[in-house]
Structure formats: C-alpha cells, structure tokens
Amino acid sequence: MNIKTVEVKSILSRSKIPGVTYCINPYIGCCHGCIYCYADFMKKYSNHTEPWGEFVDIKINAAEILKKQIKKAKKKTVIISSVTDPYNPLEIKYQITRECLKILLECQFPISILTKSPLVVRDIDLFTKFKECEVGLTITTDNEQIRKIFEPNSPPIEKRVEALQKLKEHNIKTYVFIGPVLPMNPENLGKKVAPFVDHYLIDKMNYPNKIFKILQKHKYEFILSEKYFQNIENKLESLLEK
C-alpha cells in the first residue's frame, strides 16, 4: 500500500447526490480493495500508477481548509464520504475525518456518514451532539467468503452489524446500504440488520464489465440478472419494511 500525505486547496465540494448539498472526502484512494468499486475513476485525478485499492493519499490539511470554506457555505447536508471510506485504517492515526466533524459540529451542519468500517463508533461522542446526523454502514452480503472475494481488505460483516447496533443504542439515526447486491441469503442479512436501522438503500451491480471475469471464475454471473436482483430486493424489503 502506497501511503502519502498531500495538501489540498478545497475539501468541501458540491455533491450531485440527491438530497445532499456537499461532500467531504478526507482521503484519496481506499484500503478496502473492493473489486467492484465505482470510485476508481478518481485515480485519473491523482499522480498514482498503482491499481485502485493500493494507494491512499491523506489530505493532511483538510480541517484547516474546511474552517475557511465553511464560512461561505450554506447550512446544508454534508455527506462523508462519496469516493473514499472516511474510516479507513489510516483514520486511527491521522483523524482527518474526526477533525472535520468537529468543525461541522461547531456550525451544526447536517451530516450523513457512509462507511464499511466499525471504526465509525469512535465518533459517537460527536454524532450525539449534532442536531441532524445519520450514519450508514455498507453491507453487501451476509457471507464472509463472498466478502473476502469482492471486498478482500474490508472489515468483517459482523463487525459492521455490531457498529450499527452500538450507534442505535446511542439513539443515532442509522441506515444500511446494501449495494451492490452480491450473492447472499437475504433473509439472513435482513434479520441481522433490521433491528438496528431506520432506513435502507438497495442497489444492483452497476459496473459489471469491471468484474465479469471474477464472476465467471466463481460462477456468480447470475447476480447480474434483473431477476436475481428483484428477487433479493423483494425479500430484503419484506423483512426491512416490518
């Protein structure tokens, strides 16, 4: 893993995600190595030649820049993050995400967090002080063997479920993002997360060409069919809507 620190001129960016005005990405790149990742387009904006998932740039001056930008920003929802994981393992040492959260808290900007990491529970002390805050965990399967194929360096599924539980115990609004839908037992996954989420999002595999050879190797091409997705979606919804 190639890791380096960089200085940036901007950290608070306009978002194209519906319902979200701004996004903050404290890092460039990611440690999880998810083979389906849509965010690999960000590589062209970096100076890296390594494959996506094998480098991370730490935006070391992110908090300093955010202090300046936030003065001119409207008090609208900020998502952390859209093209990286704000709680990748480097966050333990550098705390870029946490320092940005402190600044957003001072101004009471509404926030939405999305991560695959149980490290997110570290910042419960900050989340509980926001007037508007939601925290989501991405969980794409209930099967650890599947997780290791598609998300080789990401945290275990059970740790993510435990994070949702802990967040919910502190009365923080939570959600689960089940996307892309991988091979799974939807009843099992639904039962795991249902007690600990306020809402959910489900999405299909949107970039199949990127991983088609892997799907063929493991005979998982079926997950690309609309029939498979609809079947999984219907079963998950029937559990989660309750």
Protein backbone atom coordinates (compact mmCIF):
# COMPACT_ATOMS: atom_id res chain seq x y z
CA MET A 1 0.00 0.00 0.00
CA ASN A 2 1.43 3.36 -1.09
CA ILE A 3 0.55 5.93 1.57
CA LYS A 4 1.45 9.62 1.48
CA THR A 5 0.24 12.96 2.80
CA VAL A 6 -0.97 15.69 0.47
CA GLU A 7 -2.19 19.25 0.88
CA VAL A 8 -5.40 20.32 -0.85
CA LYS A 9 -6.92 23.65 -1.80
CA SER A 10 -10.52 22.52 -1.31
CA ILE A 11 -12.23 19.90 0.86
CA LEU A 12 -15.93 20.90 0.85
CA SER A 13 -17.29 20.06 -2.60
CA ARG A 14 -20.70 20.32 -4.21
CA SER A 15 -22.46 16.95 -4.38
CA LYS A 16 -24.63 15.52 -7.14
CA ILE A 17 -26.21 13.00 -4.76
CA PRO A 18 -29.96 13.71 -4.37
CA GLY A 19 -30.76 15.37 -1.06
CA VAL A 20 -27.12 16.15 -0.31
CA THR A 21 -25.56 19.57 -0.99
CA TYR A 22 -21.92 18.97 -0.08
CA CYS A 23 -19.44 16.13 0.26
CA ILE A 24 -16.16 15.78 2.11
CA ASN A 25 -13.62 13.14 1.11
CA PRO A 26 -10.81 13.19 3.68
CA TYR A 27 -8.70 10.74 1.67
CA ILE A 28 -7.91 9.91 -1.95
CA GLY A 29 -8.00 6.19 -2.56
CA CYS A 30 -9.02 3.42 -0.20
CA CYS A 31 -7.61 0.43 1.67
CA HIS A 32 -10.57 -1.92 1.27
CA GLY A 33 -9.70 -3.17 -2.22
CA CYS A 34 -13.33 -3.75 -3.29
CA ILE A 35 -13.08 -5.09 -6.82
CA TYR A 36 -16.40 -3.54 -7.90
CA CYS A 37 -15.61 -0.02 -6.65
CA TYR A 38 -17.12 2.74 -8.80
CA ALA A 39 -14.76 5.35 -7.32
CA ASP A 40 -11.70 4.13 -9.22
CA PHE A 41 -12.30 6.96 -11.70
CA MET A 42 -10.66 9.16 -9.07
CA LYS A 43 -7.31 7.63 -9.96
CA LYS A 44 -7.04 9.89 -13.00
CA TYR A 45 -7.08 12.90 -10.67
CA SER A 46 -4.12 11.56 -8.73
CA ASN A 47 -0.49 11.01 -9.62
CA HIS A 48 -0.66 7.29 -8.91
CA THR A 49 0.13 4.44 -11.28
CA GLU A 50 -0.80 1.72 -8.78
CA PRO A 51 -4.14 -0.06 -9.11
CA TRP A 52 -7.08 1.44 -7.27
CA GLY A 53 -7.12 0.00 -3.77
CA GLU A 54 -3.34 0.02 -3.44
CA PHE A 55 -2.80 3.67 -2.55
CA VAL A 56 -4.17 6.29 -0.15
CA ASP A 57 -3.40 9.99 -0.04
CA ILE A 58 -4.08 11.64 3.31
CA LYS A 59 -5.45 15.18 2.98
CA ILE A 60 -3.39 16.39 5.87
CA ASN A 61 -4.65 20.00 5.83
CA ALA A 62 -8.34 19.11 5.36
CA ALA A 63 -9.54 20.61 8.65
CA GLU A 64 -7.63 23.84 8.08
CA ILE A 65 -9.19 24.27 4.63
CA LEU A 66 -12.66 23.32 5.88
CA LYS A 67 -12.53 26.09 8.50
CA LYS A 68 -12.12 28.61 5.68
CA GLN A 69 -14.66 27.09 3.28
CA ILE A 70 -17.42 26.58 5.80
CA LYS A 71 -17.68 30.33 6.43
CA LYS A 72 -19.09 30.79 2.92
CA ALA A 73 -21.17 27.60 2.77
CA LYS A 74 -24.93 27.26 3.27
CA LYS A 75 -26.00 25.15 6.22
CA LYS A 76 -26.98 22.13 4.12
CA THR A 77 -26.33 18.39 4.40
CA VAL A 78 -22.75 17.17 4.06
CA ILE A 79 -22.01 13.54 3.19
CA ILE A 80 -18.77 11.95 4.40
CA SER A 81 -17.74 10.35 2.05
CA SER A 82 -18.66 9.83 -1.60
CA VAL A 83 -15.48 8.42 -3.20
CA THR A 84 -13.45 7.07 -0.28
CA ASP A 85 -14.06 5.49 3.11
CA PRO A 86 -13.75 8.14 5.83
CA TYR A 87 -12.97 5.46 8.42
CA ASN A 88 -10.24 3.52 6.63
CA PRO A 89 -7.50 2.20 8.98
CA LEU A 90 -5.36 5.33 8.48
CA GLU A 91 -8.04 7.36 10.24
CA ILE A 92 -6.98 5.75 13.53
CA LYS A 93 -3.68 7.63 13.36
CA TYR A 94 -4.45 10.77 11.35
CA GLN A 95 -8.04 11.52 12.48
CA ILE A 96 -8.77 13.66 9.42
CA THR A 97 -12.44 12.70 9.45
CA ARG A 98 -12.80 13.41 13.16
CA GLU A 99 -11.23 16.86 12.88
CA CYS A 100 -13.58 17.73 10.01
CA LEU A 101 -16.53 16.52 12.06
CA LYS A 102 -15.55 18.85 14.92
CA ILE A 103 -15.69 21.83 12.57
CA LEU A 104 -19.05 20.77 11.12
CA LEU A 105 -20.37 20.32 14.66
CA GLU A 106 -19.37 23.84 15.67
CA CYS A 107 -21.57 25.17 12.85
CA GLN A 108 -24.23 22.42 13.24
CA PHE A 109 -24.18 21.37 9.60
CA PRO A 110 -26.44 18.33 8.97
CA ILE A 111 -24.25 15.30 8.24
CA SER A 112 -24.60 11.89 6.63
CA ILE A 113 -21.84 9.30 7.08
CA LEU A 114 -21.30 6.23 4.88
CA THR A 115 -18.60 3.69 5.70
CA LYS A 116 -17.75 -0.02 5.79
CA SER A 117 -15.77 0.34 8.99
CA PRO A 118 -16.73 -0.25 12.63
CA LEU A 119 -14.20 2.47 13.47
CA VAL A 120 -17.13 4.85 12.98
CA VAL A 121 -18.30 4.15 16.54
CA ARG A 122 -15.25 6.03 17.81
CA ASP A 123 -17.03 9.28 16.95
CA ILE A 124 -20.32 8.56 18.69
CA ASP A 125 -19.45 11.31 21.16
CA LEU A 126 -19.59 13.80 18.28
CA PHE A 127 -22.58 12.30 16.44
CA THR A 128 -24.81 12.60 19.51
CA LYS A 129 -24.18 16.37 19.62
CA PHE A 130 -25.37 17.03 16.06
CA LYS A 131 -28.95 18.21 15.63
CA GLU A 132 -29.15 16.32 12.32
CA CYS A 133 -26.97 13.25 11.85
CA GLU A 134 -27.31 9.86 10.20
CA VAL A 135 -24.72 7.09 9.93
CA GLY A 136 -24.82 4.29 7.36
CA LEU A 137 -22.89 1.05 7.04
CA THR A 138 -22.44 -0.58 3.65
CA ILE A 139 -23.12 -4.34 3.82
CA THR A 140 -23.30 -6.18 0.50
CA THR A 141 -23.66 -9.82 1.63
CA ASP A 142 -24.14 -11.95 4.73
CA ASN A 143 -21.44 -14.41 3.64
CA GLU A 144 -17.83 -13.89 4.79
CA GLN A 145 -16.39 -15.97 1.95
CA ILE A 146 -18.19 -13.78 -0.58
CA ARG A 147 -17.00 -10.68 1.26
CA LYS A 148 -13.38 -11.86 1.01
CA ILE A 149 -13.69 -12.33 -2.77
CA PHE A 150 -15.26 -8.96 -3.52
CA GLU A 151 -14.03 -6.80 -0.61
CA PRO A 152 -10.77 -8.51 0.40
CA ASN A 153 -9.45 -5.91 2.85
CA SER A 154 -12.72 -4.63 4.27
CA PRO A 155 -13.91 -5.22 7.86
CA PRO A 156 -15.92 -8.40 8.65
CA ILE A 157 -19.69 -8.28 8.24
CA GLU A 158 -20.44 -8.99 11.90
CA LYS A 159 -18.30 -6.04 12.98
CA ARG A 160 -20.35 -3.76 10.75
CA VAL A 161 -23.62 -5.09 12.19
CA GLU A 162 -22.23 -4.57 15.70
CA ALA A 163 -21.38 -0.99 14.75
CA LEU A 164 -24.97 -0.38 13.66
CA GLN A 165 -26.19 -1.82 16.94
CA LYS A 166 -23.91 0.41 19.00
CA LEU A 167 -24.93 3.50 17.03
CA LYS A 168 -28.59 2.66 17.54
CA GLU A 169 -28.03 2.17 21.27
CA HIS A 170 -26.96 5.82 21.35
CA ASN A 171 -30.12 6.90 19.52
CA ILE A 172 -28.25 7.88 16.36
CA LYS A 173 -30.22 7.66 13.14
CA THR A 174 -28.84 4.74 11.13
CA TYR A 175 -29.19 3.12 7.74
CA VAL A 176 -27.78 0.22 5.81
CA PHE A 177 -26.63 0.47 2.20
CA ILE A 178 -26.95 -2.95 0.56
CA GLY A 179 -25.19 -2.31 -2.69
CA PRO A 180 -24.07 -3.72 -4.90
CA VAL A 181 -26.16 -6.79 -4.13
CA LEU A 182 -23.74 -9.74 -4.02
CA PRO A 183 -24.54 -13.45 -3.58
CA MET A 184 -26.34 -13.70 -0.25
CA ASN A 185 -29.07 -15.16 1.88
CA PRO A 186 -31.37 -12.11 2.00
CA GLU A 187 -33.44 -13.43 4.90
CA ASN A 188 -30.30 -13.86 7.00
CA LEU A 189 -28.92 -10.42 6.15
CA GLY A 190 -32.28 -8.76 6.66
CA LYS A 191 -32.69 -10.29 10.12
CA LYS A 192 -29.17 -9.22 11.10
CA VAL A 193 -29.60 -5.54 10.30
CA ALA A 194 -33.34 -4.90 10.68
CA PRO A 195 -33.31 -4.19 14.44
CA PHE A 196 -30.61 -1.55 14.09
CA VAL A 197 -31.55 0.62 11.10
CA ASP A 198 -34.06 3.39 10.50
CA HIS A 199 -33.98 3.10 6.73
CA TYR A 200 -32.19 1.27 3.95
CA LEU A 201 -30.91 1.58 0.39
CA ILE A 202 -30.54 -1.32 -2.05
CA ASP A 203 -28.62 -1.16 -5.33
CA LYS A 204 -27.56 -3.53 -8.09
CA MET A 205 -24.13 -4.11 -9.61
CA ASN A 206 -23.82 -1.04 -11.83
CA TYR A 207 -20.41 -1.72 -13.39
CA PRO A 208 -20.49 -5.42 -14.36
CA ASN A 209 -17.77 -5.27 -17.04
CA LYS A 210 -15.25 -4.36 -14.36
CA ILE A 211 -15.61 -7.68 -12.56
CA PHE A 212 -17.09 -10.04 -15.15
CA LYS A 213 -14.03 -12.32 -15.23
CA ILE A 214 -14.17 -12.72 -11.45
CA LEU A 215 -17.86 -13.52 -11.67
CA GLN A 216 -17.17 -16.14 -14.33
CA LYS A 217 -14.35 -17.68 -12.31
CA HIS A 218 -16.61 -18.19 -9.30
CA LYS A 219 -19.76 -18.86 -11.35
CA TYR A 220 -21.54 -15.82 -9.95
CA GLU A 221 -22.69 -14.31 -13.24
CA PHE A 222 -26.28 -14.80 -12.08
CA ILE A 223 -26.04 -11.74 -9.82
CA LEU A 224 -26.12 -9.54 -12.93
CA SER A 225 -29.61 -10.64 -13.94
CA GLU A 226 -32.57 -8.39 -13.23
CA LYS A 227 -34.47 -11.42 -11.97
CA TYR A 228 -31.86 -12.13 -9.30
CA PHE A 229 -31.77 -8.52 -8.16
CA GLN A 230 -35.55 -8.21 -7.98
CA ASN A 231 -35.79 -11.44 -6.01
CA ILE A 232 -33.20 -10.27 -3.46
CA GLU A 233 -34.70 -6.79 -3.28
CA ASN A 234 -38.21 -8.11 -2.66
CA LYS A 235 -37.06 -10.45 0.11
CA LEU A 236 -34.99 -7.77 1.82
CA GLU A 237 -37.81 -5.25 1.61
CA SER A 238 -40.33 -7.67 3.06
CA LEU A 239 -38.13 -8.04 6.14
CA LEU A 240 -36.89 -4.46 6.47
CA GLU A 241 -40.27 -2.80 5.94
CA LYS A 242 -41.56 -4.56 9.03
